[in-house]
N, C-alpha and C. Protein backbone atom coordinates (compact mmCIF):
# COMPACT_ATOMS: atom_id res chain seq x y z
N MET A 1 -41.99 22.12 17.18
CA MET A 1 -41.91 22.01 15.65
C MET A 1 -42.80 20.44 15.38
N ASN A 2 -43.32 20.20 14.24
CA ASN A 2 -44.49 19.41 14.19
C ASN A 2 -43.49 17.94 14.23
N VAL A 3 -43.91 17.22 14.58
CA VAL A 3 -43.27 15.57 14.59
C VAL A 3 -43.53 14.84 13.57
N SER A 4 -43.95 14.92 12.70
CA SER A 4 -44.28 14.73 11.27
C SER A 4 -42.81 15.44 10.45
N LEU A 5 -42.88 16.40 10.67
CA LEU A 5 -41.97 17.25 9.88
C LEU A 5 -40.16 17.14 10.39
N LEU A 6 -40.10 17.02 11.65
CA LEU A 6 -38.91 16.61 12.45
C LEU A 6 -38.60 15.06 11.72
N SER A 7 -39.27 13.99 11.56
CA SER A 7 -39.37 12.88 11.24
C SER A 7 -38.49 12.71 9.81
N THR A 8 -39.31 13.45 8.95
CA THR A 8 -39.26 13.78 7.78
C THR A 8 -37.84 14.39 7.21
N VAL A 9 -37.28 15.56 7.99
CA VAL A 9 -35.95 15.86 8.21
C VAL A 9 -35.10 14.55 8.61
N GLN A 10 -35.17 13.76 9.78
CA GLN A 10 -34.36 12.61 10.07
C GLN A 10 -34.22 11.87 8.76
N ILE A 11 -35.25 11.48 8.25
CA ILE A 11 -35.35 10.22 7.30
C ILE A 11 -34.17 10.90 6.22
N ALA A 12 -34.66 12.03 5.81
CA ALA A 12 -33.70 12.88 4.94
C ALA A 12 -32.28 12.60 5.00
N VAL A 13 -31.48 13.33 6.07
CA VAL A 13 -30.55 13.17 6.65
C VAL A 13 -29.86 12.22 6.54
N THR A 14 -30.90 11.19 7.11
CA THR A 14 -30.44 9.70 7.04
C THR A 14 -30.20 8.81 5.63
N ILE A 15 -30.95 9.47 4.79
CA ILE A 15 -30.65 8.88 3.54
C ILE A 15 -29.56 9.27 3.02
N GLY A 16 -29.22 10.88 3.03
CA GLY A 16 -28.28 11.73 2.61
C GLY A 16 -26.87 10.94 3.29
N LEU A 17 -26.99 10.89 4.35
CA LEU A 17 -25.45 10.29 4.87
C LEU A 17 -25.21 8.48 4.43
N VAL A 18 -26.38 8.01 4.32
CA VAL A 18 -25.89 6.68 3.70
C VAL A 18 -25.52 7.04 2.16
N ALA A 19 -26.04 7.92 1.12
CA ALA A 19 -25.83 8.22 0.08
C ALA A 19 -24.62 8.35 0.01
N TRP A 20 -24.12 9.50 0.63
CA TRP A 20 -22.28 9.70 0.79
C TRP A 20 -21.66 8.62 0.99
N MET A 21 -22.08 8.23 2.06
CA MET A 21 -21.10 6.68 2.76
C MET A 21 -20.90 5.52 1.54
N ILE A 22 -21.84 4.97 0.81
CA ILE A 22 -22.12 4.50 -0.28
C ILE A 22 -21.16 5.13 -1.42
N THR A 23 -21.22 6.11 -2.31
CA THR A 23 -20.28 6.81 -3.04
C THR A 23 -19.07 6.51 -2.67
N GLY A 24 -18.91 6.68 -1.39
CA GLY A 24 -17.03 6.43 -0.78
C GLY A 24 -16.55 5.29 -1.36
N PHE A 25 -17.53 4.21 -1.68
CA PHE A 25 -17.09 2.74 -2.11
C PHE A 25 -17.25 2.75 -3.62
N THR A 26 -17.83 3.83 -4.69
CA THR A 26 -17.53 3.25 -5.65
C THR A 26 -16.44 3.07 -6.80
N ARG A 27 -16.59 2.63 -7.81
CA ARG A 27 -15.10 2.29 -8.44
C ARG A 27 -13.96 2.87 -8.99
N LEU A 28 -13.01 3.28 -8.47
CA LEU A 28 -11.64 4.01 -8.87
C LEU A 28 -11.11 3.40 -10.03
N PRO A 29 -10.30 4.20 -10.56
CA PRO A 29 -9.40 3.34 -12.15
C PRO A 29 -8.50 2.13 -11.17
N GLY A 30 -8.65 1.18 -12.08
CA GLY A 30 -7.60 -0.04 -11.26
C GLY A 30 -8.50 -0.68 -10.47
N ARG A 31 -8.11 -1.69 -10.08
CA ARG A 31 -8.59 -3.09 -9.46
C ARG A 31 -8.95 -2.60 -8.00
N TRP A 32 -7.73 -2.31 -7.15
CA TRP A 32 -7.41 -2.09 -5.96
C TRP A 32 -7.64 -0.36 -5.28
N LEU A 33 -7.82 -0.47 -4.11
CA LEU A 33 -7.81 0.60 -3.17
C LEU A 33 -9.17 1.21 -3.97
N ARG A 34 -10.32 0.73 -4.28
CA ARG A 34 -11.36 1.40 -4.48
C ARG A 34 -12.01 2.63 -3.47
N TRP A 35 -11.63 2.28 -2.49
CA TRP A 35 -12.41 2.95 -1.51
C TRP A 35 -11.27 4.48 -1.17
N LYS A 36 -12.21 5.61 -1.33
CA LYS A 36 -11.72 7.04 -0.91
C LYS A 36 -10.35 7.12 -0.37
N MET A 37 -10.46 6.38 1.06
CA MET A 37 -9.47 6.64 1.96
C MET A 37 -8.59 6.02 1.17
N PHE A 38 -8.27 5.19 0.65
CA PHE A 38 -6.71 4.63 0.32
C PHE A 38 -6.53 5.08 -1.20
N CYS A 39 -7.04 5.47 -2.00
CA CYS A 39 -6.79 6.18 -3.40
C CYS A 39 -5.55 6.91 -3.23
N ARG A 40 -5.02 7.23 -2.29
CA ARG A 40 -3.93 7.83 -2.65
C ARG A 40 -2.62 7.60 -2.32
N ALA A 41 -2.88 5.79 -1.71
CA ALA A 41 -2.13 4.72 -1.09
C ALA A 41 -1.36 4.22 -1.75
N THR A 42 -0.06 4.00 -2.11
CA THR A 42 0.23 3.03 -2.45
C THR A 42 1.61 1.98 -1.56
N PHE A 43 0.86 0.69 -1.83
CA PHE A 43 1.34 -0.55 -1.16
C PHE A 43 2.24 -1.28 -2.09
N THR A 44 3.04 -2.23 -1.82
CA THR A 44 4.47 -2.66 -2.45
C THR A 44 4.04 -3.92 -1.64
N VAL A 45 3.87 -4.93 -2.41
CA VAL A 45 4.01 -6.16 -1.91
C VAL A 45 5.35 -7.13 -2.72
N VAL A 46 6.20 -7.86 -2.00
CA VAL A 46 7.45 -8.08 -2.51
C VAL A 46 7.92 -9.63 -1.98
N THR A 47 8.65 -10.02 -2.55
CA THR A 47 9.25 -11.13 -1.89
C THR A 47 10.96 -11.06 -2.41
N LEU A 48 11.57 -10.86 -1.51
CA LEU A 48 13.27 -10.69 -1.72
C LEU A 48 13.68 -11.74 -1.37
N THR A 49 15.04 -11.95 -1.68
CA THR A 49 15.66 -12.75 -1.43
C THR A 49 17.42 -11.88 -1.28
N GLY A 50 18.18 -12.04 -0.13
CA GLY A 50 19.67 -11.00 0.02
C GLY A 50 20.65 -12.42 -0.16
N THR A 51 21.75 -11.59 -0.65
CA THR A 51 22.59 -12.72 -0.84
C THR A 51 23.96 -12.16 0.07
N LYS A 52 24.76 -12.80 0.88
CA LYS A 52 25.63 -12.29 1.86
C LYS A 52 26.42 -13.56 1.90
N ASP A 53 28.17 -13.69 0.88
CA ASP A 53 29.21 -14.43 1.29
C ASP A 53 28.35 -15.56 0.57
N GLY A 54 27.79 -15.33 -0.50
CA GLY A 54 27.14 -16.74 -1.22
C GLY A 54 25.84 -17.37 -0.94
N ARG A 55 25.68 -17.07 0.34
CA ARG A 55 24.74 -17.37 1.28
C ARG A 55 23.38 -16.74 1.02
N ILE A 56 21.99 -17.82 0.24
CA ILE A 56 21.07 -16.73 0.07
C ILE A 56 19.81 -17.18 1.04
N GLU A 57 19.20 -15.99 1.59
CA GLU A 57 18.34 -16.28 2.62
C GLU A 57 16.91 -15.12 2.04
N PRO A 58 15.89 -15.52 2.52
CA PRO A 58 14.63 -14.22 2.23
C PRO A 58 14.75 -12.98 3.13
N VAL A 59 14.24 -11.80 2.83
CA VAL A 59 14.49 -10.99 3.38
C VAL A 59 13.05 -10.21 3.85
N ASN A 60 12.93 -9.92 4.85
CA ASN A 60 11.21 -9.48 5.28
C ASN A 60 11.67 -7.95 5.81
N VAL A 61 11.03 -7.11 4.49
CA VAL A 61 11.55 -5.63 4.83
C VAL A 61 10.78 -4.66 5.67
N TYR A 62 9.83 -5.61 5.82
CA TYR A 62 8.42 -5.00 7.05
C TYR A 62 8.80 -5.07 8.02
N ASP A 63 10.11 -5.80 8.56
CA ASP A 63 11.11 -5.77 9.92
C ASP A 63 11.54 -4.59 9.83
N TYR A 64 11.59 -3.57 9.15
CA TYR A 64 12.71 -2.40 9.07
C TYR A 64 11.55 -1.49 8.64
N LEU A 65 10.31 -1.65 8.91
CA LEU A 65 9.23 0.03 8.92
C LEU A 65 9.40 0.30 10.42
N SER A 66 9.17 1.11 10.45
CA SER A 66 8.37 1.58 11.69
C SER A 66 7.66 1.23 12.51
N PRO A 67 7.31 1.31 13.62
CA PRO A 67 6.37 0.38 14.30
C PRO A 67 4.64 0.99 14.29
N GLY A 68 3.79 0.00 13.69
CA GLY A 68 2.52 0.61 13.57
C GLY A 68 2.40 1.10 11.81
N SER A 69 3.47 1.20 11.21
CA SER A 69 3.61 1.52 9.97
C SER A 69 3.17 0.28 9.08
N PHE A 70 2.57 0.32 7.97
CA PHE A 70 2.47 -0.82 6.95
C PHE A 70 2.32 -0.59 5.60
N ILE A 71 2.57 0.75 5.25
CA ILE A 71 2.16 1.03 4.18
C ILE A 71 3.63 1.38 3.18
N LEU A 72 3.87 0.24 2.33
CA LEU A 72 5.86 0.22 2.07
C LEU A 72 5.63 0.90 0.37
N GLY A 73 6.07 2.17 0.10
CA GLY A 73 5.83 2.61 -1.45
C GLY A 73 7.49 2.01 -1.73
N PRO A 74 7.10 2.37 -3.28
CA PRO A 74 8.61 1.85 -3.77
C PRO A 74 9.90 3.01 -3.10
N PRO A 75 9.56 3.93 -3.30
CA PRO A 75 10.61 5.05 -2.47
C PRO A 75 10.99 4.56 -1.38
N GLN A 76 10.25 3.82 -0.25
CA GLN A 76 10.47 3.65 0.89
C GLN A 76 11.43 2.06 0.77
N LEU A 77 11.03 0.92 -0.15
CA LEU A 77 11.63 0.48 -0.48
C LEU A 77 12.93 0.23 -0.74
N GLN A 78 12.95 0.88 -1.82
CA GLN A 78 14.39 1.35 -1.92
C GLN A 78 15.26 2.38 -1.34
N ALA A 79 14.73 2.73 -0.11
CA ALA A 79 15.33 3.11 1.15
C ALA A 79 16.02 1.85 2.25
N ILE A 80 15.03 1.13 2.09
CA ILE A 80 15.07 -0.17 2.97
C ILE A 80 16.33 -0.82 2.51
N ILE A 81 16.23 -0.71 1.11
CA ILE A 81 17.41 -2.09 0.59
C ILE A 81 18.52 -1.48 0.64
N ASN A 82 18.52 0.11 0.30
CA ASN A 82 19.96 0.91 0.60
C ASN A 82 20.43 0.69 1.90
N TYR A 83 19.83 0.60 3.22
CA TYR A 83 20.28 0.61 4.51
C TYR A 83 20.69 -0.46 4.23
N LEU A 84 20.21 -1.66 4.15
CA LEU A 84 20.46 -3.22 4.09
C LEU A 84 21.60 -3.64 3.29
N THR A 85 22.37 -2.74 2.45
CA THR A 85 23.24 -3.20 1.38
C THR A 85 24.54 -2.33 1.83
N ARG A 86 24.14 -1.15 2.19
CA ARG A 86 25.54 -0.23 2.38
C ARG A 86 25.80 -0.79 4.15
N SER A 87 24.79 -1.10 5.27
CA SER A 87 25.36 -1.75 6.25
C SER A 87 26.23 -2.75 6.36
N GLY A 88 25.71 -3.57 5.34
CA GLY A 88 26.60 -4.82 5.37
C GLY A 88 25.92 -5.83 4.89
N ARG A 89 24.74 -5.72 5.62
CA ARG A 89 24.12 -6.92 5.92
C ARG A 89 23.86 -7.85 4.93
N TYR A 90 23.41 -7.15 3.57
CA TYR A 90 23.49 -8.10 2.61
C TYR A 90 24.23 -7.66 1.30
N ASP A 91 24.59 -8.68 0.40
CA ASP A 91 25.54 -7.51 -0.63
C ASP A 91 24.98 -7.38 -1.83
N GLN A 92 24.13 -8.21 -1.91
CA GLN A 92 22.73 -7.99 -2.79
C GLN A 92 21.30 -8.33 -2.86
N ILE A 93 20.48 -7.33 -2.98
CA ILE A 93 19.24 -8.06 -2.95
C ILE A 93 18.57 -8.05 -4.36
N ASP A 94 17.72 -9.32 -4.25
CA ASP A 94 16.60 -8.91 -5.66
C ASP A 94 15.42 -9.75 -5.01
N GLY A 95 14.32 -9.57 -6.05
CA GLY A 95 12.88 -10.22 -5.79
C GLY A 95 12.12 -9.78 -6.80
N HIS A 96 10.95 -9.66 -6.68
CA HIS A 96 9.98 -9.88 -7.91
C HIS A 96 8.26 -9.50 -6.78
N GLY A 97 7.53 -8.81 -7.27
CA GLY A 97 5.99 -8.61 -6.39
C GLY A 97 5.68 -7.40 -7.21
N ARG A 98 4.53 -6.65 -6.58
CA ARG A 98 3.72 -5.98 -7.26
C ARG A 98 2.94 -4.66 -6.47
N VAL A 99 3.20 -3.50 -7.24
CA VAL A 99 2.91 -2.17 -6.25
C VAL A 99 1.30 -2.35 -6.60
N LEU A 100 0.45 -1.82 -5.93
CA LEU A 100 -0.92 -1.46 -5.68
C LEU A 100 -1.56 -0.26 -5.46
N SER A 101 -1.71 0.55 -6.41
CA SER A 101 -2.21 1.99 -6.19
C SER A 101 -3.45 2.31 -6.84
N ALA A 102 -4.25 3.55 -6.69
CA ALA A 102 -5.07 4.25 -7.62
C ALA A 102 -5.10 3.34 -9.04
N ARG A 103 -3.88 3.81 -9.57
CA ARG A 103 -3.77 3.26 -10.83
C ARG A 103 -3.96 1.90 -11.16
N GLY A 104 -4.16 1.18 -10.23
CA GLY A 104 -4.53 -0.47 -10.13
C GLY A 104 -2.71 -1.27 -9.71
N GLU A 105 -2.94 -2.25 -10.65
CA GLU A 105 -1.42 -3.25 -10.22
C GLU A 105 -0.60 -3.17 -11.43
N GLN A 106 0.57 -3.16 -10.78
CA GLN A 106 2.17 -3.26 -11.53
C GLN A 106 2.80 -3.48 -11.30
N PRO A 107 3.68 -5.01 -11.85
CA PRO A 107 4.22 -5.56 -11.52
C PRO A 107 6.07 -4.42 -11.20
N VAL A 108 6.62 -5.16 -10.38
CA VAL A 108 7.97 -4.88 -9.88
C VAL A 108 9.01 -5.72 -9.35
N GLU A 109 9.83 -5.26 -9.60
CA GLU A 109 11.32 -6.17 -9.56
C GLU A 109 12.33 -5.82 -9.02
N VAL A 110 13.06 -6.54 -8.17
CA VAL A 110 14.52 -5.82 -7.63
C VAL A 110 15.57 -6.62 -8.03
N ARG A 111 16.06 -6.06 -9.08
CA ARG A 111 17.25 -6.54 -9.89
C ARG A 111 18.56 -6.06 -9.09
N ASP A 112 19.66 -6.50 -8.54
CA ASP A 112 20.88 -5.92 -8.20
C ASP A 112 20.75 -4.82 -7.18
N SER A 113 19.83 -4.73 -5.95
CA SER A 113 19.27 -4.12 -5.07
C SER A 113 18.91 -2.71 -5.66
N ARG A 114 18.40 -2.77 -7.03
CA ARG A 114 17.71 -1.36 -7.06
C ARG A 114 16.10 -1.96 -7.79
N VAL A 115 14.80 -1.24 -7.30
CA VAL A 115 13.54 -1.30 -7.55
C VAL A 115 13.65 -0.81 -9.26
N VAL A 116 12.95 -1.84 -10.02
CA VAL A 116 12.76 -1.40 -11.22
C VAL A 116 11.09 -1.77 -11.65
N PHE A 117 10.67 -0.92 -12.35
CA PHE A 117 8.97 -1.27 -12.83
C PHE A 117 8.80 -1.90 -13.77
């Protein structure tokens, strides 16, 4: 095979791969998670306080995720809150935060141990 032809094919393939990788970072709807790898992920960032016998203390829901897990969606947040209240660890959990997804950023509240958008 001709050396210049091989070089031309390598350059064309390299340019194609670079263009494909750049389009992976194009803007998707919303402000967050523009990379296609994360476009279907939903992250919840919240500040929670738990009440037990009139005592108020901060609650870190990430302590209750499985090891290596960091994505916390609203259904998982509600499941953890249900566990904490039903187990008797807290009487009530309240807080506020935001949900980050491909649709953008939305506020979220936790009132009387219920996740509310």
